[in-house]
Amino acid sequence: MIHTDEAALLRIYMGESDRQDGHPLHEAVVLAARSAGLAGATVLRGPLGFGRSSRLHSAKILRLSDDLPLVVEIVDCPERIDAFLEPLAGLVGDRGLITLETVRVVKG
């Protein structure tokens, strides 16, 4: 029997070169999520993208980019995600874009 639960999906968009205290920002976000006791976090690396500056970031074979787009995804119950939003916003600042949506988690 399949069961579904409502959850929150938090996405944080950033560049690979974004830093927090000398460390990659995506690592700081994942460590903060773990410290907050969230269920898990995944970092996804994009081969192509652009952001607010409209500068294209690409992973083409003849050109190595050190600033590819990254997305950190975190899924947990809405209450735990809501509690994480303020510290996350302080960590990311204006270096990234944070989105939040409601999703359904499927359990078999």
C-alpha atoms as a PDB file:
ATOM      1  CA  MET A   1       0.000   0.000   0.000  1.00  0.00           C
ATOM      2  CA  ILE A   2       1.300   3.458  -0.920  1.00  0.00           C
ATOM      3  CA  HIS A   3       1.137   6.260   1.628  1.00  0.00           C
ATOM      4  CA  THR A   4       1.904   9.956   1.015  1.00  0.00           C
ATOM      5  CA  ASP A   5       2.837  12.692   3.464  1.00  0.00           C
ATOM      6  CA  GLU A   6       3.019  16.431   2.888  1.00  0.00           C
ATOM      7  CA  ALA A   7       6.540  17.844   3.144  1.00  0.00           C
ATOM      8  CA  ALA A   8       8.467  20.985   2.302  1.00  0.00           C
ATOM      9  CA  LEU A   9      11.104  21.151  -0.435  1.00  0.00           C
ATOM     10  CA  LEU A  10      13.734  23.818   0.116  1.00  0.00           C
ATOM     11  CA  ARG A  11      16.026  24.718  -2.799  1.00  0.00           C
ATOM     12  CA  ILE A  12      19.017  27.000  -2.596  1.00  0.00           C
ATOM     13  CA  TYR A  13      20.540  28.134  -5.903  1.00  0.00           C
ATOM     14  CA  MET A  14      24.137  29.384  -5.859  1.00  0.00           C
ATOM     15  CA  GLY A  15      27.400  29.364  -7.763  1.00  0.00           C
ATOM     16  CA  GLU A  16      30.208  26.925  -7.214  1.00  0.00           C
ATOM     17  CA  SER A  17      32.612  29.776  -6.400  1.00  0.00           C
ATOM     18  CA  ASP A  18      30.414  31.263  -3.620  1.00  0.00           C
ATOM     19  CA  ARG A  19      32.197  31.162  -0.258  1.00  0.00           C
ATOM     20  CA  GLN A  20      31.377  31.417   3.439  1.00  0.00           C
ATOM     21  CA  ASP A  21      34.344  32.075   5.736  1.00  0.00           C
ATOM     22  CA  GLY A  22      36.722  30.715   3.086  1.00  0.00           C
ATOM     23  CA  HIS A  23      34.777  27.479   2.567  1.00  0.00           C
ATOM     24  CA  PRO A  24      32.354  26.623  -0.247  1.00  0.00           C
ATOM     25  CA  LEU A  25      28.900  28.030   0.521  1.00  0.00           C
ATOM     26  CA  HIS A  26      27.165  24.790  -0.504  1.00  0.00           C
ATOM     27  CA  GLU A  27      29.186  22.892   2.117  1.00  0.00           C
ATOM     28  CA  ALA A  28      28.264  25.472   4.771  1.00  0.00           C
ATOM     29  CA  VAL A  29      24.565  25.066   3.878  1.00  0.00           C
ATOM     30  CA  VAL A  30      24.733  21.250   4.060  1.00  0.00           C
ATOM     31  CA  LEU A  31      26.576  21.345   7.400  1.00  0.00           C
ATOM     32  CA  ALA A  32      24.065  23.854   8.805  1.00  0.00           C
ATOM     33  CA  ALA A  33      21.186  21.606   7.674  1.00  0.00           C
ATOM     34  CA  ARG A  34      22.809  18.628   9.371  1.00  0.00           C
ATOM     35  CA  SER A  35      23.387  20.637  12.566  1.00  0.00           C
ATOM     36  CA  ALA A  36      19.723  21.673  12.500  1.00  0.00           C
ATOM     37  CA  GLY A  37      18.731  17.998  12.439  1.00  0.00           C
ATOM     38  CA  LEU A  38      17.082  18.093   9.007  1.00  0.00           C
ATOM     39  CA  ALA A  39      16.392  14.795   7.261  1.00  0.00           C
ATOM     40  CA  GLY A  40      19.027  15.263   4.561  1.00  0.00           C
ATOM     41  CA  ALA A  41      20.495  17.533   1.909  1.00  0.00           C
ATOM     42  CA  THR A  42      21.691  16.922  -1.647  1.00  0.00           C
ATOM     43  CA  VAL A  43      23.949  19.136  -3.756  1.00  0.00           C
ATOM     44  CA  LEU A  44      23.289  19.065  -7.507  1.00  0.00           C
ATOM     45  CA  ARG A  45      25.796  20.505  -9.989  1.00  0.00           C
ATOM     46  CA  GLY A  46      24.450  22.022 -13.197  1.00  0.00           C
ATOM     47  CA  PRO A  47      26.334  21.884 -16.499  1.00  0.00           C
ATOM     48  CA  LEU A  48      24.892  25.201 -17.705  1.00  0.00           C
ATOM     49  CA  GLY A  49      23.088  28.171 -16.224  1.00  0.00           C
ATOM     50  CA  PHE A  50      22.950  31.888 -15.559  1.00  0.00           C
ATOM     51  CA  GLY A  51      21.790  34.027 -12.685  1.00  0.00           C
ATOM     52  CA  ARG A  52      21.004  37.596 -11.769  1.00  0.00           C
ATOM     53  CA  SER A  53      24.062  38.941 -13.638  1.00  0.00           C
ATOM     54  CA  SER A  54      23.040  37.081 -16.848  1.00  0.00           C
ATOM     55  CA  ARG A  55      26.622  35.757 -17.069  1.00  0.00           C
ATOM     56  CA  LEU A  56      26.586  32.276 -18.612  1.00  0.00           C
ATOM     57  CA  HIS A  57      28.250  29.483 -16.618  1.00  0.00           C
ATOM     58  CA  SER A  58      29.086  26.410 -18.682  1.00  0.00           C
ATOM     59  CA  ALA A  59      30.923  23.086 -18.404  1.00  0.00           C
ATOM     60  CA  LYS A  60      31.780  22.786 -22.101  1.00  0.00           C
ATOM     61  CA  ILE A  61      34.687  20.435 -22.848  1.00  0.00           C
ATOM     62  CA  LEU A  62      37.041  23.127 -24.187  1.00  0.00           C
ATOM     63  CA  ARG A  63      36.330  25.492 -21.321  1.00  0.00           C
ATOM     64  CA  LEU A  64      36.658  24.607 -17.671  1.00  0.00           C
ATOM     65  CA  SER A  65      34.425  26.643 -15.396  1.00  0.00           C
ATOM     66  CA  ASP A  66      35.090  27.093 -11.710  1.00  0.00           C
ATOM     67  CA  ASP A  67      31.673  28.638 -11.124  1.00  0.00           C
ATOM     68  CA  LEU A  68      29.060  26.166 -12.307  1.00  0.00           C
ATOM     69  CA  PRO A  69      25.529  26.482 -10.932  1.00  0.00           C
ATOM     70  CA  LEU A  70      24.720  24.455  -7.816  1.00  0.00           C
ATOM     71  CA  VAL A  71      21.408  23.618  -6.182  1.00  0.00           C
ATOM     72  CA  VAL A  72      21.099  22.319  -2.629  1.00  0.00           C
ATOM     73  CA  GLU A  73      17.823  20.447  -2.069  1.00  0.00           C
ATOM     74  CA  ILE A  74      16.436  19.674   1.367  1.00  0.00           C
ATOM     75  CA  VAL A  75      13.148  17.839   2.062  1.00  0.00           C
ATOM     76  CA  ASP A  76      11.662  17.627   5.539  1.00  0.00           C
ATOM     77  CA  CYS A  77       8.449  18.374   7.412  1.00  0.00           C
ATOM     78  CA  PRO A  78       7.239  21.966   6.980  1.00  0.00           C
ATOM     79  CA  GLU A  79       7.825  22.894  10.646  1.00  0.00           C
ATOM     80  CA  ARG A  80      11.501  21.877  10.580  1.00  0.00           C
ATOM     81  CA  ILE A  81      12.112  23.637   7.264  1.00  0.00           C
ATOM     82  CA  ASP A  82      10.391  26.802   8.547  1.00  0.00           C
ATOM     83  CA  ALA A  83      12.647  26.799  11.624  1.00  0.00           C
ATOM     84  CA  PHE A  84      15.707  26.555   9.345  1.00  0.00           C
ATOM     85  CA  LEU A  85      14.738  29.456   7.049  1.00  0.00           C
ATOM     86  CA  GLU A  86      16.039  32.326   9.187  1.00  0.00           C
ATOM     87  CA  PRO A  87      19.511  30.877   9.851  1.00  0.00           C
ATOM     88  CA  LEU A  88      19.702  29.800   6.210  1.00  0.00           C
ATOM     89  CA  ALA A  89      18.843  33.284   4.929  1.00  0.00           C
ATOM     90  CA  GLY A  90      21.560  34.726   7.173  1.00  0.00           C
ATOM     91  CA  LEU A  91      24.074  32.230   5.814  1.00  0.00           C
ATOM     92  CA  VAL A  92      23.233  32.629   2.121  1.00  0.00           C
ATOM     93  CA  GLY A  93      22.602  36.384   2.110  1.00  0.00           C
ATOM     94  CA  ASP A  94      22.428  37.836  -1.394  1.00  0.00           C
ATOM     95  CA  ARG A  95      24.718  35.151  -2.874  1.00  0.00           C
ATOM     96  CA  GLY A  96      21.900  32.766  -3.662  1.00  0.00           C
ATOM     97  CA  LEU A  97      18.219  32.281  -4.287  1.00  0.00           C
ATOM     98  CA  ILE A  98      16.092  30.346  -1.788  1.00  0.00           C
ATOM     99  CA  THR A  99      12.796  28.767  -2.873  1.00  0.00           C
ATOM    100  CA  LEU A 100      10.268  26.790  -0.875  1.00  0.00           C
ATOM    101  CA  GLU A 101       7.413  24.610  -2.074  1.00  0.00           C
ATOM    102  CA  THR A 102       5.046  21.996  -0.768  1.00  0.00           C
ATOM    103  CA  VAL A 103       5.624  18.447  -2.025  1.00  0.00           C
ATOM    104  CA  ARG A 104       4.255  14.981  -1.341  1.00  0.00           C
ATOM    105  CA  VAL A 105       6.618  12.270  -0.116  1.00  0.00           C
ATOM    106  CA  VAL A 106       5.648   8.797  -1.299  1.00  0.00           C
ATOM    107  CA  LYS A 107       6.243   5.867   1.039  1.00  0.00           C
ATOM    108  CA  GLY A 108       5.688   2.297  -0.041  1.00  0.00           C
END
